[in-house]
Amino acid sequence: MTEFDRKVEEASARFNRSVANISETLEKETKELVTYLNDEVVPAVRTHSSKALRTAAGKLSEFADFLEAQRKGS
């Protein structure tokens, strides 16, 4: 084996280790992100969405009452 071939193999091995490490880190971080989204973000969005819908429903009810009062007053 020539010196050049040995250096190419060493560089290739270092590169493969780097890619494996990056891949492992990405997998770990992705799992943590999915867990965070499922445990924290989704419940908060559901809670705030239902509160927003209830508020909107109340305001629409008030607006309907206002329109009825205006129609009766005319």
PDB file of N, CA and C in Angstrom:
ATOM      1  N   MET A   1       0.845  -1.164   0.000  1.00  0.00           N
ATOM      2  CA  MET A   1       0.000   0.000   0.000  1.00  0.00           C
ATOM      3  C   MET A   1       0.898   1.236   0.000  1.00  0.00           C
ATOM      4  N   THR A   2       0.539   2.169  -0.840  1.00  0.00           N
ATOM      5  CA  THR A   2       1.339   3.391  -0.926  1.00  0.00           C
ATOM      6  C   THR A   2       0.936   4.361   0.193  1.00  0.00           C
ATOM      7  N   GLU A   3       1.789   5.311   0.390  1.00  0.00           N
ATOM      8  CA  GLU A   3       1.536   6.354   1.401  1.00  0.00           C
ATOM      9  C   GLU A   3       0.242   7.092   1.084  1.00  0.00           C
ATOM     10  N   PHE A   4       0.042   7.379  -0.196  1.00  0.00           N
ATOM     11  CA  PHE A   4      -1.169   8.090  -0.613  1.00  0.00           C
ATOM     12  C   PHE A   4      -2.416   7.276  -0.285  1.00  0.00           C
ATOM     13  N   ASP A   5      -2.411   5.991  -0.602  1.00  0.00           N
ATOM     14  CA  ASP A   5      -3.565   5.123  -0.321  1.00  0.00           C
ATOM     15  C   ASP A   5      -3.857   5.065   1.176  1.00  0.00           C
ATOM     16  N   ARG A   6      -2.806   5.004   1.980  1.00  0.00           N
ATOM     17  CA  ARG A   6      -2.980   4.950   3.425  1.00  0.00           C
ATOM     18  C   ARG A   6      -3.626   6.245   3.927  1.00  0.00           C
ATOM     19  N   LYS A   7      -3.166   7.380   3.422  1.00  0.00           N
ATOM     20  CA  LYS A   7      -3.726   8.665   3.833  1.00  0.00           C
ATOM     21  C   LYS A   7      -5.186   8.801   3.401  1.00  0.00           C
ATOM     22  N   VAL A   8      -5.488   8.312   2.212  1.00  0.00           N
ATOM     23  CA  VAL A   8      -6.870   8.363   1.726  1.00  0.00           C
ATOM     24  C   VAL A   8      -7.766   7.511   2.619  1.00  0.00           C
ATOM     25  N   GLU A   9      -7.288   6.320   2.985  1.00  0.00           N
ATOM     26  CA  GLU A   9      -8.076   5.446   3.863  1.00  0.00           C
ATOM     27  C   GLU A   9      -8.277   6.074   5.237  1.00  0.00           C
ATOM     28  N   GLU A  10      -7.244   6.707   5.777  1.00  0.00           N
ATOM     29  CA  GLU A  10      -7.361   7.358   7.080  1.00  0.00           C
ATOM     30  C   GLU A  10      -8.356   8.521   7.013  1.00  0.00           C
ATOM     31  N   ALA A  11      -8.262   9.301   5.962  1.00  0.00           N
ATOM     32  CA  ALA A  11      -9.181  10.433   5.802  1.00  0.00           C
ATOM     33  C   ALA A  11     -10.606   9.931   5.639  1.00  0.00           C
ATOM     34  N   SER A  12     -10.763   8.866   4.883  1.00  0.00           N
ATOM     35  CA  SER A  12     -12.081   8.279   4.688  1.00  0.00           C
ATOM     36  C   SER A  12     -12.651   7.748   6.005  1.00  0.00           C
ATOM     37  N   ALA A  13     -11.821   7.115   6.801  1.00  0.00           N
ATOM     38  CA  ALA A  13     -12.263   6.593   8.097  1.00  0.00           C
ATOM     39  C   ALA A  13     -12.654   7.734   9.029  1.00  0.00           C
ATOM     40  N   ARG A  14     -11.881   8.816   9.062  1.00  0.00           N
ATOM     41  CA  ARG A  14     -12.221   9.982   9.890  1.00  0.00           C
ATOM     42  C   ARG A  14     -13.543  10.597   9.443  1.00  0.00           C
ATOM     43  N   PHE A  15     -13.702  10.699   8.134  1.00  0.00           N
ATOM     44  CA  PHE A  15     -14.930  11.258   7.590  1.00  0.00           C
ATOM     45  C   PHE A  15     -16.126  10.392   7.970  1.00  0.00           C
ATOM     46  N   ASN A  16     -15.987   9.082   7.838  1.00  0.00           N
ATOM     47  CA  ASN A  16     -17.077   8.166   8.186  1.00  0.00           C
ATOM     48  C   ASN A  16     -17.432   8.266   9.669  1.00  0.00           C
ATOM     49  N   ARG A  17     -16.424   8.395  10.535  1.00  0.00           N
ATOM     50  CA  ARG A  17     -16.690   8.560  11.975  1.00  0.00           C
ATOM     51  C   ARG A  17     -17.429   9.864  12.238  1.00  0.00           C
ATOM     52  N   SER A  18     -17.016  10.916  11.555  1.00  0.00           N
ATOM     53  CA  SER A  18     -17.674  12.216  11.725  1.00  0.00           C
ATOM     54  C   SER A  18     -19.136  12.149  11.298  1.00  0.00           C
ATOM     55  N   VAL A  19     -19.376  11.539  10.165  1.00  0.00           N
ATOM     56  CA  VAL A  19     -20.751  11.396   9.680  1.00  0.00           C
ATOM     57  C   VAL A  19     -21.566  10.548  10.650  1.00  0.00           C
ATOM     58  N   ALA A  20     -21.000   9.482  11.168  1.00  0.00           N
ATOM     59  CA  ALA A  20     -21.710   8.626  12.130  1.00  0.00           C
ATOM     60  C   ALA A  20     -22.039   9.401  13.401  1.00  0.00           C
ATOM     61  N   ASN A  21     -21.083  10.205  13.886  1.00  0.00           N
ATOM     62  CA  ASN A  21     -21.326  11.008  15.081  1.00  0.00           C
ATOM     63  C   ASN A  21     -22.421  12.043  14.852  1.00  0.00           C
ATOM     64  N   ILE A  22     -22.370  12.701  13.718  1.00  0.00           N
ATOM     65  CA  ILE A  22     -23.389  13.700  13.389  1.00  0.00           C
ATOM     66  C   ILE A  22     -24.752  13.038  13.275  1.00  0.00           C
ATOM     67  N   SER A  23     -24.798  11.901  12.622  1.00  0.00           N
ATOM     68  CA  SER A  23     -26.049  11.172  12.468  1.00  0.00           C
ATOM     69  C   SER A  23     -26.626  10.771  13.821  1.00  0.00           C
ATOM     70  N   GLU A  24     -25.783  10.289  14.700  1.00  0.00           N
ATOM     71  CA  GLU A  24     -26.212   9.887  16.038  1.00  0.00           C
ATOM     72  C   GLU A  24     -26.762  11.088  16.814  1.00  0.00           C
ATOM     73  N   THR A  25     -26.075  12.207  16.721  1.00  0.00           N
ATOM     74  CA  THR A  25     -26.514  13.423  17.402  1.00  0.00           C
ATOM     75  C   THR A  25     -27.848  13.910  16.848  1.00  0.00           C
ATOM     76  N   LEU A  26     -27.987  13.889  15.536  1.00  0.00           N
ATOM     77  CA  LEU A  26     -29.247  14.309  14.918  1.00  0.00           C
ATOM     78  C   LEU A  26     -30.410  13.421  15.353  1.00  0.00           C
ATOM     79  N   GLU A  27     -30.186  12.132  15.408  1.00  0.00           N
ATOM     80  CA  GLU A  27     -31.237  11.225  15.846  1.00  0.00           C
ATOM     81  C   GLU A  27     -31.660  11.528  17.282  1.00  0.00           C
ATOM     82  N   LYS A  28     -30.683  11.751  18.141  1.00  0.00           N
ATOM     83  CA  LYS A  28     -30.961  12.052  19.550  1.00  0.00           C
ATOM     84  C   LYS A  28     -31.733  13.363  19.677  1.00  0.00           C
ATOM     85  N   GLU A  29     -31.258  14.399  19.002  1.00  0.00           N
ATOM     86  CA  GLU A  29     -31.906  15.705  19.071  1.00  0.00           C
ATOM     87  C   GLU A  29     -33.317  15.655  18.491  1.00  0.00           C
ATOM     88  N   THR A  30     -33.514  14.900  17.421  1.00  0.00           N
ATOM     89  CA  THR A  30     -34.833  14.779  16.816  1.00  0.00           C
ATOM     90  C   THR A  30     -35.811  14.108  17.774  1.00  0.00           C
ATOM     91  N   LYS A  31     -35.371  13.056  18.448  1.00  0.00           N
ATOM     92  CA  LYS A  31     -36.221  12.396  19.429  1.00  0.00           C
ATOM     93  C   LYS A  31     -36.603  13.346  20.554  1.00  0.00           C
ATOM     94  N   GLU A  32     -35.639  14.141  21.023  1.00  0.00           N
ATOM     95  CA  GLU A  32     -35.916  15.100  22.090  1.00  0.00           C
ATOM     96  C   GLU A  32     -36.890  16.178  21.621  1.00  0.00           C
ATOM     97  N   LEU A  33     -36.751  16.626  20.380  1.00  0.00           N
ATOM     98  CA  LEU A  33     -37.660  17.630  19.834  1.00  0.00           C
ATOM     99  C   LEU A  33     -39.075  17.083  19.732  1.00  0.00           C
ATOM    100  N   VAL A  34     -39.222  15.880  19.224  1.00  0.00           N
ATOM    101  CA  VAL A  34     -40.546  15.270  19.097  1.00  0.00           C
ATOM    102  C   VAL A  34     -41.185  15.097  20.470  1.00  0.00           C
ATOM    103  N   THR A  35     -40.411  14.661  21.444  1.00  0.00           N
ATOM    104  CA  THR A  35     -40.925  14.508  22.807  1.00  0.00           C
ATOM    105  C   THR A  35     -41.386  15.858  23.354  1.00  0.00           C
ATOM    106  N   TYR A  36     -40.579  16.896  23.169  1.00  0.00           N
ATOM    107  CA  TYR A  36     -40.946  18.232  23.639  1.00  0.00           C
ATOM    108  C   TYR A  36     -42.239  18.706  22.970  1.00  0.00           C
ATOM    109  N   LEU A  37     -42.330  18.536  21.655  1.00  0.00           N
ATOM    110  CA  LEU A  37     -43.537  18.953  20.946  1.00  0.00           C
ATOM    111  C   LEU A  37     -44.768  18.223  21.468  1.00  0.00           C
ATOM    112  N   ASN A  38     -44.647  16.916  21.639  1.00  0.00           N
ATOM    113  CA  ASN A  38     -45.784  16.125  22.105  1.00  0.00           C
ATOM    114  C   ASN A  38     -46.165  16.432  23.547  1.00  0.00           C
ATOM    115  N   ASP A  39     -45.171  16.662  24.397  1.00  0.00           N
ATOM    116  CA  ASP A  39     -45.440  16.851  25.829  1.00  0.00           C
ATOM    117  C   ASP A  39     -45.780  18.286  26.197  1.00  0.00           C
ATOM    118  N   GLU A  40     -45.241  19.252  25.495  1.00  0.00           N
ATOM    119  CA  GLU A  40     -45.408  20.655  25.890  1.00  0.00           C
ATOM    120  C   GLU A  40     -46.231  21.473  24.889  1.00  0.00           C
ATOM    121  N   VAL A  41     -45.871  21.420  23.634  1.00  0.00           N
ATOM    122  CA  VAL A  41     -46.473  22.315  22.654  1.00  0.00           C
ATOM    123  C   VAL A  41     -47.897  21.901  22.300  1.00  0.00           C
ATOM    124  N   VAL A  42     -48.099  20.640  21.992  1.00  0.00           N
ATOM    125  CA  VAL A  42     -49.431  20.186  21.572  1.00  0.00           C
ATOM    126  C   VAL A  42     -50.483  20.443  22.649  1.00  0.00           C
ATOM    127  N   PRO A  43     -50.242  20.078  23.913  1.00  0.00           N
ATOM    128  CA  PRO A  43     -51.265  20.374  24.928  1.00  0.00           C
ATOM    129  C   PRO A  43     -51.537  21.875  25.078  1.00  0.00           C
ATOM    130  N   ALA A  44     -50.496  22.693  25.000  1.00  0.00           N
ATOM    131  CA  ALA A  44     -50.691  24.140  25.120  1.00  0.00           C
ATOM    132  C   ALA A  44     -51.522  24.685  23.965  1.00  0.00           C
ATOM    133  N   VAL A  45     -51.249  24.212  22.764  1.00  0.00           N
ATOM    134  CA  VAL A  45     -52.014  24.666  21.602  1.00  0.00           C
ATOM    135  C   VAL A  45     -53.470  24.249  21.741  1.00  0.00           C
ATOM    136  N   ARG A  46     -53.696  23.034  22.181  1.00  0.00           N
ATOM    137  CA  ARG A  46     -55.079  22.576  22.363  1.00  0.00           C
ATOM    138  C   ARG A  46     -55.805  23.418  23.406  1.00  0.00           C
ATOM    139  N   THR A  47     -55.138  23.699  24.505  1.00  0.00           N
ATOM    140  CA  THR A  47     -55.748  24.496  25.560  1.00  0.00           C
ATOM    141  C   THR A  47     -56.085  25.903  25.065  1.00  0.00           C
ATOM    142  N   HIS A  48     -55.113  26.547  24.451  1.00  0.00           N
ATOM    143  CA  HIS A  48     -55.331  27.920  23.994  1.00  0.00           C
ATOM    144  C   HIS A  48     -56.313  27.977  22.831  1.00  0.00           C
ATOM    145  N   SER A  49     -56.337  26.957  21.995  1.00  0.00           N
ATOM    146  CA  SER A  49     -57.271  26.934  20.877  1.00  0.00           C
ATOM    147  C   SER A  49     -58.698  26.840  21.382  1.00  0.00           C
ATOM    148  N   SER A  50     -58.930  25.991  22.363  1.00  0.00           N
ATOM    149  CA  SER A  50     -60.292  25.856  22.876  1.00  0.00           C
ATOM    150  C   SER A  50     -60.722  27.126  23.598  1.00  0.00           C
ATOM    151  N   LYS A  51     -59.806  27.772  24.314  1.00  0.00           N
ATOM    152  CA  LYS A  51     -60.145  29.043  24.966  1.00  0.00           C
ATOM    153  C   LYS A  51     -60.485  30.099  23.922  1.00  0.00           C
ATOM    154  N   ALA A  52     -59.717  30.148  22.851  1.00  0.00           N
ATOM    155  CA  ALA A  52     -59.972  31.123  21.791  1.00  0.00           C
ATOM    156  C   ALA A  52     -61.322  30.867  21.132  1.00  0.00           C
ATOM    157  N   LEU A  53     -61.657  29.606  20.908  1.00  0.00           N
ATOM    158  CA  LEU A  53     -62.956  29.292  20.310  1.00  0.00           C
ATOM    159  C   LEU A  53     -64.099  29.685  21.233  1.00  0.00           C
ATOM    160  N   ARG A  54     -63.933  29.447  22.544  1.00  0.00           N
ATOM    161  CA  ARG A  54     -64.981  29.827  23.497  1.00  0.00           C
ATOM    162  C   ARG A  54     -65.149  31.354  23.535  1.00  0.00           C
ATOM    163  N   THR A  55     -64.052  32.084  23.489  1.00  0.00           N
ATOM    164  CA  THR A  55     -64.121  33.542  23.476  1.00  0.00           C
ATOM    165  C   THR A  55     -64.814  34.028  22.208  1.00  0.00           C
ATOM    166  N   ALA A  56     -64.427  33.463  21.075  1.00  0.00           N
ATOM    167  CA  ALA A  56     -65.046  33.843  19.802  1.00  0.00           C
ATOM    168  C   ALA A  56     -66.535  33.527  19.804  1.00  0.00           C
ATOM    169  N   ALA A  57     -66.904  32.372  20.352  1.00  0.00           N
ATOM    170  CA  ALA A  57     -68.318  32.001  20.418  1.00  0.00           C
ATOM    171  C   ALA A  57     -69.094  33.006  21.270  1.00  0.00           C
ATOM    172  N   GLY A  58     -68.507  33.430  22.388  1.00  0.00           N
ATOM    173  CA  GLY A  58     -69.164  34.425  23.235  1.00  0.00           C
ATOM    174  C   GLY A  58     -69.351  35.746  22.517  1.00  0.00           C
ATOM    175  N   LYS A  59     -68.311  36.187  21.814  1.00  0.00           N
ATOM    176  CA  LYS A  59     -68.403  37.452  21.076  1.00  0.00           C
ATOM    177  C   LYS A  59     -69.418  37.365  19.946  1.00  0.00           C
ATOM    178  N   LEU A  60     -69.477  36.239  19.261  1.00  0.00           N
ATOM    179  CA  LEU A  60     -70.475  36.063  18.197  1.00  0.00           C
ATOM    180  C   LEU A  60     -71.881  36.069  18.767  1.00  0.00           C
ATOM    181  N   SER A  61     -72.059  35.467  19.931  1.00  0.00           N
ATOM    182  CA  SER A  61     -73.366  35.474  20.582  1.00  0.00           C
ATOM    183  C   SER A  61     -73.776  36.905  20.933  1.00  0.00           C
ATOM    184  N   GLU A  62     -72.830  37.674  21.471  1.00  0.00           N
ATOM    185  CA  GLU A  62     -73.106  39.078  21.788  1.00  0.00           C
ATOM    186  C   GLU A  62     -73.458  39.862  20.526  1.00  0.00           C
ATOM    187  N   PHE A  63     -72.754  39.606  19.451  1.00  0.00           N
ATOM    188  CA  PHE A  63     -73.014  40.299  18.197  1.00  0.00           C
ATOM    189  C   PHE A  63     -74.397  39.927  17.649  1.00  0.00           C
ATOM    190  N   ALA A  64     -74.759  38.651  17.760  1.00  0.00           N
ATOM    191  CA  ALA A  64     -76.088  38.220  17.318  1.00  0.00           C
ATOM    192  C   ALA A  64     -77.168  38.920  18.137  1.00  0.00           C
ATOM    193  N   ASP A  65     -76.961  39.029  19.445  1.00  0.00           N
ATOM    194  CA  ASP A  65     -77.914  39.747  20.299  1.00  0.00           C
ATOM    195  C   ASP A  65     -78.026  41.204  19.863  1.00  0.00           C
ATOM    196  N   PHE A  66     -76.897  41.832  19.554  1.00  0.00           N
ATOM    197  CA  PHE A  66     -76.886  43.217  19.105  1.00  0.00           C
ATOM    198  C   PHE A  66     -77.663  43.369  17.804  1.00  0.00           C
ATOM    199  N   LEU A  67     -77.440  42.463  16.854  1.00  0.00           N
ATOM    200  CA  LEU A  67     -78.154  42.546  15.574  1.00  0.00           C
ATOM    201  C   LEU A  67     -79.656  42.376  15.765  1.00  0.00           C
ATOM    202  N   GLU A  68     -80.051  41.460  16.633  1.00  0.00           N
ATOM    203  CA  GLU A  68     -81.475  41.261  16.913  1.00  0.00           C
ATOM    204  C   GLU A  68     -82.078  42.515  17.538  1.00  0.00           C
ATOM    205  N   ALA A  69     -81.345  43.114  18.470  1.00  0.00           N
ATOM    206  CA  ALA A  69     -81.840  44.336  19.126  1.00  0.00           C
ATOM    207  C   ALA A  69     -81.975  45.452  18.100  1.00  0.00           C
ATOM    208  N   GLN A  70     -81.051  45.579  17.178  1.00  0.00           N
ATOM    209  CA  GLN A  70     -81.118  46.617  16.158  1.00  0.00           C
ATOM    210  C   GLN A  70     -82.312  46.390  15.236  1.00  0.00           C
ATOM    211  N   ARG A  71     -82.545  45.127  14.903  1.00  0.00           N
ATOM    212  CA  ARG A  71     -83.662  44.812  14.004  1.00  0.00           C
ATOM    213  C   ARG A  71     -84.997  45.113  14.673  1.00  0.00           C
ATOM    214  N   LYS A  72     -85.109  44.791  15.958  1.00  0.00           N
ATOM    215  CA  LYS A  72     -86.338  45.022  16.706  1.00  0.00           C
ATOM    216  C   LYS A  72     -86.558  46.508  16.929  1.00  0.00           C
ATOM    217  N   GLY A  73     -85.483  47.253  17.045  1.00  0.00           N
ATOM    218  CA  GLY A  73     -85.576  48.700  17.275  1.00  0.00           C
ATOM    219  C   GLY A  73     -85.970  49.477  16.044  1.00  0.00           C
ATOM    220  N   SER A  74     -85.768  48.912  14.889  1.00  0.00           N
ATOM    221  CA  SER A  74     -86.065  49.624  13.641  1.00  0.00           C
ATOM    222  C   SER A  74     -87.536  49.640  13.315  1.00  0.00           C
TER     223      SER A  74
END
